Amino acid sequence: MNKIAIKYGLLLLASFVGLFLLMHEVIQIRNYNLRILNGFAHIGLIYMAIRRYRRENPDTVNNYVSGVVTGMYASIIGVLPFTAFVMFYLIGDNTFMNYIQDTIPIGKYFNPFTASLFVFTEGIAVSLIGSYIAVRVIDMNFEQNHSEIPTEYAE
């Protein structure tokens, strides 16, 4: 599980940082709605990590905890460093930090640390919910693809 989580966690981190930098370069960093792209990458990579874990450990099917832990472990490896990246970015880019403070209702309470804390909280919440849903879907598909037809019903 460790190798799988590290691999997909690092891919998750690369996708977060890559998308952030891409949006910065195409001057879309202030387009809040584009965060959905992070969501697709996040859920997709969690799904791939859990699916690979299930394929390598078929005895864990229907053990939701092991699947969710795999997804959460990969996510923490990706989300925690990205949170630090965001914090250091906001420390260095005062213009963007001022934009955040001016445009959100609780902006006056935001600083680079608290803003990155929100990024971390959102990442962990998406990870937990996404991991659980991914485990359910993967286990359902695994059971359908590997179920034996009872001999009394076979033709």
N, C-alpha and C. Protein backbone atom coordinates (compact mmCIF):
# COMPACT_ATOMS: atom_id res chain seq x y z
N MET A 1 0.83 -1.20 0.00
CA MET A 1 0.00 0.00 0.00
C MET A 1 0.87 1.25 0.00
N ASN A 2 2.00 1.21 0.70
CA ASN A 2 2.84 2.39 0.78
C ASN A 2 3.34 2.85 -0.58
N LYS A 3 3.82 1.91 -1.39
CA LYS A 3 4.34 2.28 -2.71
C LYS A 3 3.23 2.85 -3.59
N ILE A 4 2.06 2.25 -3.52
CA ILE A 4 0.92 2.73 -4.31
C ILE A 4 0.54 4.14 -3.86
N ALA A 5 0.42 4.34 -2.58
CA ALA A 5 0.00 5.65 -2.05
C ALA A 5 1.04 6.72 -2.37
N ILE A 6 2.30 6.37 -2.25
CA ILE A 6 3.34 7.37 -2.55
C ILE A 6 3.32 7.74 -4.02
N LYS A 7 3.21 6.73 -4.88
CA LYS A 7 3.19 7.01 -6.32
C LYS A 7 2.01 7.92 -6.68
N TYR A 8 0.82 7.54 -6.26
CA TYR A 8 -0.34 8.33 -6.64
C TYR A 8 -0.42 9.65 -5.87
N GLY A 9 0.13 9.70 -4.67
CA GLY A 9 0.20 10.95 -3.92
C GLY A 9 1.09 11.96 -4.61
N LEU A 10 2.23 11.48 -5.11
CA LEU A 10 3.13 12.38 -5.84
C LEU A 10 2.52 12.83 -7.16
N LEU A 11 1.80 11.94 -7.82
CA LEU A 11 1.09 12.34 -9.04
C LEU A 11 0.02 13.39 -8.72
N LEU A 12 -0.64 13.21 -7.61
CA LEU A 12 -1.65 14.18 -7.17
C LEU A 12 -1.01 15.53 -6.89
N LEU A 13 0.10 15.54 -6.19
CA LEU A 13 0.82 16.78 -5.92
C LEU A 13 1.23 17.45 -7.23
N ALA A 14 1.77 16.67 -8.15
CA ALA A 14 2.19 17.23 -9.44
C ALA A 14 1.00 17.81 -10.20
N SER A 15 -0.14 17.15 -10.13
CA SER A 15 -1.31 17.68 -10.84
C SER A 15 -1.80 18.97 -10.20
N PHE A 16 -1.80 19.03 -8.86
CA PHE A 16 -2.22 20.26 -8.18
C PHE A 16 -1.30 21.43 -8.53
N VAL A 17 0.00 21.22 -8.37
CA VAL A 17 0.95 22.29 -8.63
C VAL A 17 0.95 22.66 -10.11
N GLY A 18 0.91 21.65 -10.98
CA GLY A 18 0.89 21.91 -12.41
C GLY A 18 -0.33 22.72 -12.84
N LEU A 19 -1.49 22.35 -12.34
CA LEU A 19 -2.70 23.09 -12.69
C LEU A 19 -2.65 24.50 -12.12
N PHE A 20 -2.16 24.64 -10.90
CA PHE A 20 -2.04 25.97 -10.29
C PHE A 20 -1.13 26.86 -11.13
N LEU A 21 0.02 26.35 -11.51
CA LEU A 21 0.96 27.14 -12.29
C LEU A 21 0.43 27.42 -13.70
N LEU A 22 -0.26 26.44 -14.28
CA LEU A 22 -0.86 26.66 -15.59
C LEU A 22 -1.91 27.77 -15.53
N MET A 23 -2.76 27.73 -14.53
CA MET A 23 -3.79 28.77 -14.39
C MET A 23 -3.14 30.14 -14.13
N HIS A 24 -2.03 30.13 -13.43
CA HIS A 24 -1.31 31.38 -13.21
C HIS A 24 -0.77 31.94 -14.52
N GLU A 25 -0.20 31.06 -15.35
CA GLU A 25 0.39 31.49 -16.61
C GLU A 25 -0.64 31.97 -17.62
N VAL A 26 -1.81 31.37 -17.64
CA VAL A 26 -2.85 31.79 -18.60
C VAL A 26 -3.79 32.83 -17.98
N ILE A 27 -3.37 33.39 -16.87
CA ILE A 27 -4.06 34.47 -16.16
C ILE A 27 -5.50 34.09 -15.82
N GLN A 28 -5.67 32.88 -15.33
CA GLN A 28 -6.97 32.41 -14.88
C GLN A 28 -6.93 32.03 -13.40
N ILE A 29 -5.89 32.46 -12.70
CA ILE A 29 -5.72 32.06 -11.30
C ILE A 29 -6.84 32.60 -10.43
N ARG A 30 -7.49 33.67 -10.85
CA ARG A 30 -8.57 34.26 -10.06
C ARG A 30 -9.93 33.68 -10.40
N ASN A 31 -9.98 32.78 -11.37
CA ASN A 31 -11.23 32.13 -11.75
C ASN A 31 -11.49 30.97 -10.79
N TYR A 32 -12.26 31.25 -9.78
CA TYR A 32 -12.53 30.31 -8.69
C TYR A 32 -13.17 29.02 -9.18
N ASN A 33 -13.95 29.09 -10.24
CA ASN A 33 -14.68 27.92 -10.73
C ASN A 33 -13.77 26.87 -11.35
N LEU A 34 -12.57 27.24 -11.71
CA LEU A 34 -11.66 26.26 -12.31
C LEU A 34 -11.09 25.28 -11.29
N ARG A 35 -11.42 25.46 -10.01
CA ARG A 35 -11.01 24.50 -9.00
C ARG A 35 -11.62 23.13 -9.27
N ILE A 36 -12.68 23.09 -10.04
CA ILE A 36 -13.31 21.81 -10.37
C ILE A 36 -12.31 20.89 -11.09
N LEU A 37 -11.36 21.48 -11.83
CA LEU A 37 -10.34 20.67 -12.49
C LEU A 37 -9.47 19.95 -11.47
N ASN A 38 -9.16 20.62 -10.36
CA ASN A 38 -8.45 19.95 -9.27
C ASN A 38 -9.28 18.79 -8.73
N GLY A 39 -10.57 19.00 -8.63
CA GLY A 39 -11.46 17.94 -8.13
C GLY A 39 -11.43 16.71 -9.02
N PHE A 40 -11.45 16.92 -10.33
CA PHE A 40 -11.38 15.78 -11.25
C PHE A 40 -10.06 15.03 -11.10
N ALA A 41 -8.97 15.78 -11.02
CA ALA A 41 -7.66 15.15 -10.84
C ALA A 41 -7.60 14.41 -9.51
N HIS A 42 -8.12 15.04 -8.48
CA HIS A 42 -8.09 14.47 -7.13
C HIS A 42 -8.87 13.15 -7.08
N ILE A 43 -10.10 13.19 -7.49
CA ILE A 43 -10.94 11.98 -7.46
C ILE A 43 -10.39 10.91 -8.41
N GLY A 44 -9.95 11.33 -9.58
CA GLY A 44 -9.41 10.37 -10.54
C GLY A 44 -8.19 9.63 -10.03
N LEU A 45 -7.27 10.35 -9.41
CA LEU A 45 -6.06 9.70 -8.90
C LEU A 45 -6.35 8.87 -7.66
N ILE A 46 -7.28 9.31 -6.83
CA ILE A 46 -7.68 8.47 -5.69
C ILE A 46 -8.29 7.16 -6.20
N TYR A 47 -9.15 7.29 -7.19
CA TYR A 47 -9.79 6.11 -7.77
C TYR A 47 -8.74 5.14 -8.31
N MET A 48 -7.77 5.68 -9.05
CA MET A 48 -6.73 4.83 -9.62
C MET A 48 -5.88 4.15 -8.54
N ALA A 49 -5.59 4.86 -7.47
CA ALA A 49 -4.80 4.28 -6.38
C ALA A 49 -5.55 3.15 -5.70
N ILE A 50 -6.81 3.37 -5.41
CA ILE A 50 -7.61 2.34 -4.73
C ILE A 50 -7.82 1.14 -5.65
N ARG A 51 -8.07 1.40 -6.93
CA ARG A 51 -8.26 0.30 -7.88
C ARG A 51 -7.00 -0.55 -7.99
N ARG A 52 -5.86 0.10 -8.05
CA ARG A 52 -4.61 -0.67 -8.11
C ARG A 52 -4.40 -1.48 -6.84
N TYR A 53 -4.70 -0.87 -5.69
CA TYR A 53 -4.57 -1.59 -4.43
C TYR A 53 -5.48 -2.81 -4.40
N ARG A 54 -6.70 -2.64 -4.86
CA ARG A 54 -7.65 -3.77 -4.89
C ARG A 54 -7.17 -4.87 -5.84
N ARG A 55 -6.61 -4.50 -6.98
CA ARG A 55 -6.12 -5.50 -7.93
C ARG A 55 -4.95 -6.29 -7.35
N GLU A 56 -4.09 -5.60 -6.62
CA GLU A 56 -2.94 -6.28 -6.03
C GLU A 56 -3.29 -7.03 -4.75
N ASN A 57 -4.40 -6.67 -4.12
CA ASN A 57 -4.84 -7.31 -2.88
C ASN A 57 -6.33 -7.63 -2.96
N PRO A 58 -6.71 -8.60 -3.78
CA PRO A 58 -8.14 -8.89 -3.96
C PRO A 58 -8.82 -9.38 -2.68
N ASP A 59 -8.06 -9.82 -1.71
CA ASP A 59 -8.66 -10.27 -0.45
C ASP A 59 -9.21 -9.09 0.37
N THR A 60 -8.89 -7.87 -0.01
CA THR A 60 -9.37 -6.70 0.73
C THR A 60 -10.69 -6.17 0.19
N VAL A 61 -11.23 -6.77 -0.85
CA VAL A 61 -12.51 -6.31 -1.40
C VAL A 61 -13.58 -6.41 -0.32
N ASN A 62 -14.41 -5.42 -0.24
CA ASN A 62 -15.47 -5.26 0.76
C ASN A 62 -14.93 -4.88 2.13
N ASN A 63 -13.67 -4.58 2.23
CA ASN A 63 -13.10 -4.02 3.44
C ASN A 63 -12.93 -2.52 3.17
N TYR A 64 -13.97 -1.76 3.49
CA TYR A 64 -13.98 -0.35 3.14
C TYR A 64 -12.85 0.43 3.79
N VAL A 65 -12.49 0.03 4.99
CA VAL A 65 -11.45 0.77 5.71
C VAL A 65 -10.13 0.74 4.95
N SER A 66 -9.73 -0.42 4.47
CA SER A 66 -8.44 -0.51 3.77
C SER A 66 -8.45 0.32 2.50
N GLY A 67 -9.55 0.34 1.80
CA GLY A 67 -9.64 1.16 0.59
C GLY A 67 -9.62 2.64 0.88
N VAL A 68 -10.39 3.06 1.89
CA VAL A 68 -10.43 4.48 2.25
C VAL A 68 -9.07 4.92 2.78
N VAL A 69 -8.41 4.06 3.55
CA VAL A 69 -7.08 4.41 4.06
C VAL A 69 -6.09 4.58 2.91
N THR A 70 -6.18 3.72 1.91
CA THR A 70 -5.30 3.86 0.75
C THR A 70 -5.53 5.20 0.06
N GLY A 71 -6.79 5.55 -0.16
CA GLY A 71 -7.10 6.83 -0.79
C GLY A 71 -6.68 8.02 0.06
N MET A 72 -6.90 7.93 1.36
CA MET A 72 -6.53 9.03 2.25
C MET A 72 -5.01 9.17 2.34
N TYR A 73 -4.31 8.06 2.38
CA TYR A 73 -2.85 8.11 2.46
C TYR A 73 -2.28 8.77 1.21
N ALA A 74 -2.76 8.37 0.05
CA ALA A 74 -2.30 9.00 -1.19
C ALA A 74 -2.65 10.48 -1.20
N SER A 75 -3.83 10.82 -0.72
CA SER A 75 -4.26 12.22 -0.72
C SER A 75 -3.43 13.08 0.22
N ILE A 76 -3.12 12.55 1.38
CA ILE A 76 -2.31 13.33 2.33
C ILE A 76 -0.93 13.60 1.74
N ILE A 77 -0.38 12.62 1.04
CA ILE A 77 0.92 12.81 0.40
C ILE A 77 0.84 13.91 -0.66
N GLY A 78 -0.31 14.06 -1.32
CA GLY A 78 -0.46 15.11 -2.32
C GLY A 78 -0.93 16.43 -1.75
N VAL A 79 -1.85 16.40 -0.80
CA VAL A 79 -2.47 17.62 -0.29
C VAL A 79 -1.56 18.39 0.66
N LEU A 80 -0.87 17.72 1.53
CA LEU A 80 -0.05 18.41 2.53
C LEU A 80 1.07 19.25 1.89
N PRO A 81 1.86 18.70 0.98
CA PRO A 81 2.87 19.55 0.33
C PRO A 81 2.25 20.66 -0.52
N PHE A 82 1.09 20.38 -1.14
CA PHE A 82 0.44 21.43 -1.92
C PHE A 82 -0.02 22.56 -1.01
N THR A 83 -0.46 22.24 0.18
CA THR A 83 -0.84 23.26 1.15
C THR A 83 0.36 24.15 1.48
N ALA A 84 1.51 23.54 1.69
CA ALA A 84 2.73 24.31 1.95
C ALA A 84 3.08 25.18 0.74
N PHE A 85 2.94 24.61 -0.46
CA PHE A 85 3.20 25.37 -1.68
C PHE A 85 2.31 26.60 -1.76
N VAL A 86 1.03 26.42 -1.49
CA VAL A 86 0.08 27.54 -1.54
C VAL A 86 0.45 28.59 -0.50
N MET A 87 0.81 28.15 0.70
CA MET A 87 1.18 29.11 1.73
C MET A 87 2.39 29.94 1.31
N PHE A 88 3.42 29.29 0.80
CA PHE A 88 4.61 30.04 0.38
C PHE A 88 4.32 30.91 -0.83
N TYR A 89 3.44 30.44 -1.72
CA TYR A 89 3.06 31.26 -2.86
C TYR A 89 2.35 32.53 -2.38
N LEU A 90 1.43 32.39 -1.45
CA LEU A 90 0.69 33.54 -0.96
C LEU A 90 1.57 34.50 -0.16
N ILE A 91 2.58 33.97 0.50
CA ILE A 91 3.54 34.83 1.18
C ILE A 91 4.30 35.68 0.16
N GLY A 92 4.63 35.08 -0.98
CA GLY A 92 5.39 35.78 -2.01
C GLY A 92 4.57 36.67 -2.92
N ASP A 93 3.29 36.39 -3.08
CA ASP A 93 2.44 37.16 -3.99
C ASP A 93 1.42 37.95 -3.19
N ASN A 94 1.82 39.12 -2.72
CA ASN A 94 0.93 39.95 -1.91
C ASN A 94 -0.28 40.44 -2.69
N THR A 95 -0.13 40.64 -3.99
CA THR A 95 -1.24 41.11 -4.81
C THR A 95 -2.37 40.09 -4.81
N PHE A 96 -2.01 38.83 -4.99
CA PHE A 96 -3.03 37.78 -5.00
C PHE A 96 -3.64 37.60 -3.61
N MET A 97 -2.81 37.68 -2.57
CA MET A 97 -3.33 37.57 -1.20
C MET A 97 -4.29 38.71 -0.90
N ASN A 98 -3.97 39.92 -1.34
CA ASN A 98 -4.87 41.06 -1.15
C ASN A 98 -6.18 40.87 -1.93
N TYR A 99 -6.07 40.30 -3.13
CA TYR A 99 -7.28 40.01 -3.93
C TYR A 99 -8.19 39.03 -3.17
N ILE A 100 -7.61 38.00 -2.60
CA ILE A 100 -8.40 37.03 -1.83
C ILE A 100 -9.06 37.72 -0.64
N GLN A 101 -8.30 38.52 0.08
CA GLN A 101 -8.83 39.20 1.25
C GLN A 101 -9.96 40.17 0.89
N ASP A 102 -9.87 40.78 -0.28
CA ASP A 102 -10.87 41.76 -0.69
C ASP A 102 -12.14 41.14 -1.26
N THR A 103 -12.05 39.93 -1.78
CA THR A 103 -13.20 39.36 -2.50
C THR A 103 -14.03 38.35 -1.73
N ILE A 104 -13.53 37.82 -0.63
CA ILE A 104 -14.34 36.85 0.10
C ILE A 104 -14.85 37.48 1.39
N PRO A 105 -16.00 37.05 1.86
CA PRO A 105 -16.62 37.68 3.03
C PRO A 105 -15.75 37.65 4.29
N ILE A 106 -14.99 36.60 4.52
CA ILE A 106 -14.16 36.53 5.73
C ILE A 106 -12.71 36.85 5.42
N GLY A 107 -12.48 37.57 4.34
CA GLY A 107 -11.13 37.85 3.87
C GLY A 107 -10.26 38.59 4.85
N LYS A 108 -10.86 39.44 5.68
CA LYS A 108 -10.03 40.20 6.62
C LYS A 108 -9.36 39.29 7.65
N TYR A 109 -9.87 38.07 7.82
CA TYR A 109 -9.27 37.12 8.75
C TYR A 109 -8.24 36.21 8.07
N PHE A 110 -8.10 36.37 6.78
CA PHE A 110 -7.20 35.50 6.03
C PHE A 110 -5.78 36.06 6.01
N ASN A 111 -4.85 35.14 6.16
CA ASN A 111 -3.45 35.40 5.90
C ASN A 111 -2.95 34.18 5.15
N PRO A 112 -1.72 34.14 4.70
CA PRO A 112 -1.26 32.97 3.94
C PRO A 112 -1.44 31.64 4.68
N PHE A 113 -1.25 31.64 5.99
CA PHE A 113 -1.40 30.39 6.75
C PHE A 113 -2.86 29.94 6.80
N THR A 114 -3.77 30.85 7.14
CA THR A 114 -5.18 30.45 7.25
C THR A 114 -5.77 30.10 5.89
N ALA A 115 -5.32 30.81 4.85
CA ALA A 115 -5.80 30.47 3.50
C ALA A 115 -5.35 29.07 3.10
N SER A 116 -4.09 28.75 3.41
CA SER A 116 -3.61 27.40 3.08
C SER A 116 -4.27 26.35 3.96
N LEU A 117 -4.66 26.72 5.16
CA LEU A 117 -5.39 25.80 6.03
C LEU A 117 -6.75 25.43 5.41
N PHE A 118 -7.39 26.39 4.77
CA PHE A 118 -8.64 26.10 4.07
C PHE A 118 -8.39 25.15 2.90
N VAL A 119 -7.29 25.34 2.19
CA VAL A 119 -6.93 24.43 1.10
C VAL A 119 -6.74 23.01 1.64
N PHE A 120 -6.04 22.89 2.77
CA PHE A 120 -5.82 21.59 3.39
C PHE A 120 -7.14 20.94 3.80
N THR A 121 -8.00 21.71 4.45
CA THR A 121 -9.28 21.18 4.92
C THR A 121 -10.13 20.71 3.75
N GLU A 122 -10.18 21.51 2.70
CA GLU A 122 -10.95 21.11 1.53
C GLU A 122 -10.37 19.85 0.90
N GLY A 123 -9.05 19.78 0.81
CA GLY A 123 -8.41 18.60 0.23
C GLY A 123 -8.69 17.33 1.02
N ILE A 124 -8.65 17.42 2.34
CA ILE A 124 -8.92 16.25 3.18
C ILE A 124 -10.39 15.85 3.09
N ALA A 125 -11.29 16.83 3.05
CA ALA A 125 -12.72 16.51 2.93
C ALA A 125 -13.01 15.82 1.60
N VAL A 126 -12.46 16.35 0.52
CA VAL A 126 -12.65 15.72 -0.79
C VAL A 126 -12.05 14.32 -0.79
N SER A 127 -10.92 14.17 -0.13
CA SER A 127 -10.26 12.86 -0.07
C SER A 127 -11.11 11.83 0.65
N LEU A 128 -11.66 12.22 1.78
CA LEU A 128 -12.45 11.27 2.57
C LEU A 128 -13.72 10.86 1.82
N ILE A 129 -14.44 11.83 1.32
CA ILE A 129 -15.68 11.53 0.60
C ILE A 129 -15.37 10.78 -0.70
N GLY A 130 -14.38 11.26 -1.44
CA GLY A 130 -14.02 10.63 -2.71
C GLY A 130 -13.50 9.21 -2.52
N SER A 131 -12.72 8.99 -1.46
CA SER A 131 -12.20 7.64 -1.20
C SER A 131 -13.32 6.67 -0.90
N TYR A 132 -14.28 7.09 -0.10
CA TYR A 132 -15.39 6.21 0.24
C TYR A 132 -16.21 5.86 -1.00
N ILE A 133 -16.52 6.86 -1.80
CA ILE A 133 -17.31 6.62 -3.02
C ILE A 133 -16.52 5.73 -3.98
N ALA A 134 -15.23 6.01 -4.14
CA ALA A 134 -14.40 5.21 -5.04
C ALA A 134 -14.34 3.75 -4.59
N VAL A 135 -14.19 3.53 -3.29
CA VAL A 135 -14.15 2.16 -2.76
C VAL A 135 -15.45 1.44 -3.09
N ARG A 136 -16.56 2.09 -2.88
CA ARG A 136 -17.86 1.45 -3.18
C ARG A 136 -17.98 1.08 -4.65
N VAL A 137 -17.60 2.00 -5.53
CA VAL A 137 -17.69 1.74 -6.97
C VAL A 137 -16.72 0.64 -7.39
N ILE A 138 -15.49 0.71 -6.91
CA ILE A 138 -14.49 -0.29 -7.28
C ILE A 138 -14.89 -1.67 -6.78
N ASP A 139 -15.34 -1.77 -5.54
CA ASP A 139 -15.75 -3.07 -5.00
C ASP A 139 -16.96 -3.63 -5.75
N MET A 140 -17.90 -2.76 -6.10
CA MET A 140 -19.06 -3.21 -6.85
C MET A 140 -18.63 -3.76 -8.21
N ASN A 141 -17.76 -3.03 -8.90
CA ASN A 141 -17.27 -3.49 -10.21
C ASN A 141 -16.45 -4.76 -10.08
N PHE A 142 -15.64 -4.86 -9.04
CA PHE A 142 -14.81 -6.05 -8.83
C PHE A 142 -15.69 -7.27 -8.62
N GLU A 143 -16.72 -7.13 -7.81
CA GLU A 143 -17.62 -8.26 -7.55
C GLU A 143 -18.38 -8.67 -8.81
N GLN A 144 -18.81 -7.71 -9.62
CA GLN A 144 -19.53 -8.03 -10.84
C GLN A 144 -18.62 -8.75 -11.83
N ASN A 145 -17.37 -8.34 -11.91
CA ASN A 145 -16.45 -8.94 -12.88
C ASN A 145 -15.88 -10.27 -12.42
N HIS A 146 -15.92 -10.55 -11.13
CA HIS A 146 -15.33 -11.78 -10.61
C HIS A 146 -16.35 -12.70 -9.95
N SER A 147 -17.61 -12.46 -10.18
CA SER A 147 -18.62 -13.32 -9.55
C SER A 147 -18.75 -14.62 -10.34
N GLU A 148 -18.96 -15.67 -9.62
CA GLU A 148 -19.14 -16.98 -10.22
C GLU A 148 -20.64 -17.21 -10.43
N ILE A 149 -20.99 -17.74 -11.57
CA ILE A 149 -22.39 -18.07 -11.83
C ILE A 149 -22.68 -19.41 -11.16
N PRO A 150 -23.69 -19.45 -10.30
CA PRO A 150 -24.00 -20.72 -9.65
C PRO A 150 -24.30 -21.79 -10.69
N THR A 151 -23.88 -23.02 -10.45
CA THR A 151 -24.02 -24.09 -11.42
C THR A 151 -25.48 -24.41 -11.69
N GLU A 152 -26.36 -24.20 -10.75
CA GLU A 152 -27.77 -24.54 -11.01
C GLU A 152 -28.41 -23.57 -12.00
N TYR A 153 -27.82 -22.40 -12.19
CA TYR A 153 -28.37 -21.43 -13.14
C TYR A 153 -27.60 -21.41 -14.46
N ALA A 154 -26.47 -22.06 -14.51
CA ALA A 154 -25.66 -22.03 -15.70
C ALA A 154 -26.34 -22.86 -16.79
N GLU A 155 -26.13 -22.42 -18.00
CA GLU A 155 -26.76 -23.14 -19.13
C GLU A 155 -25.82 -24.14 -19.73
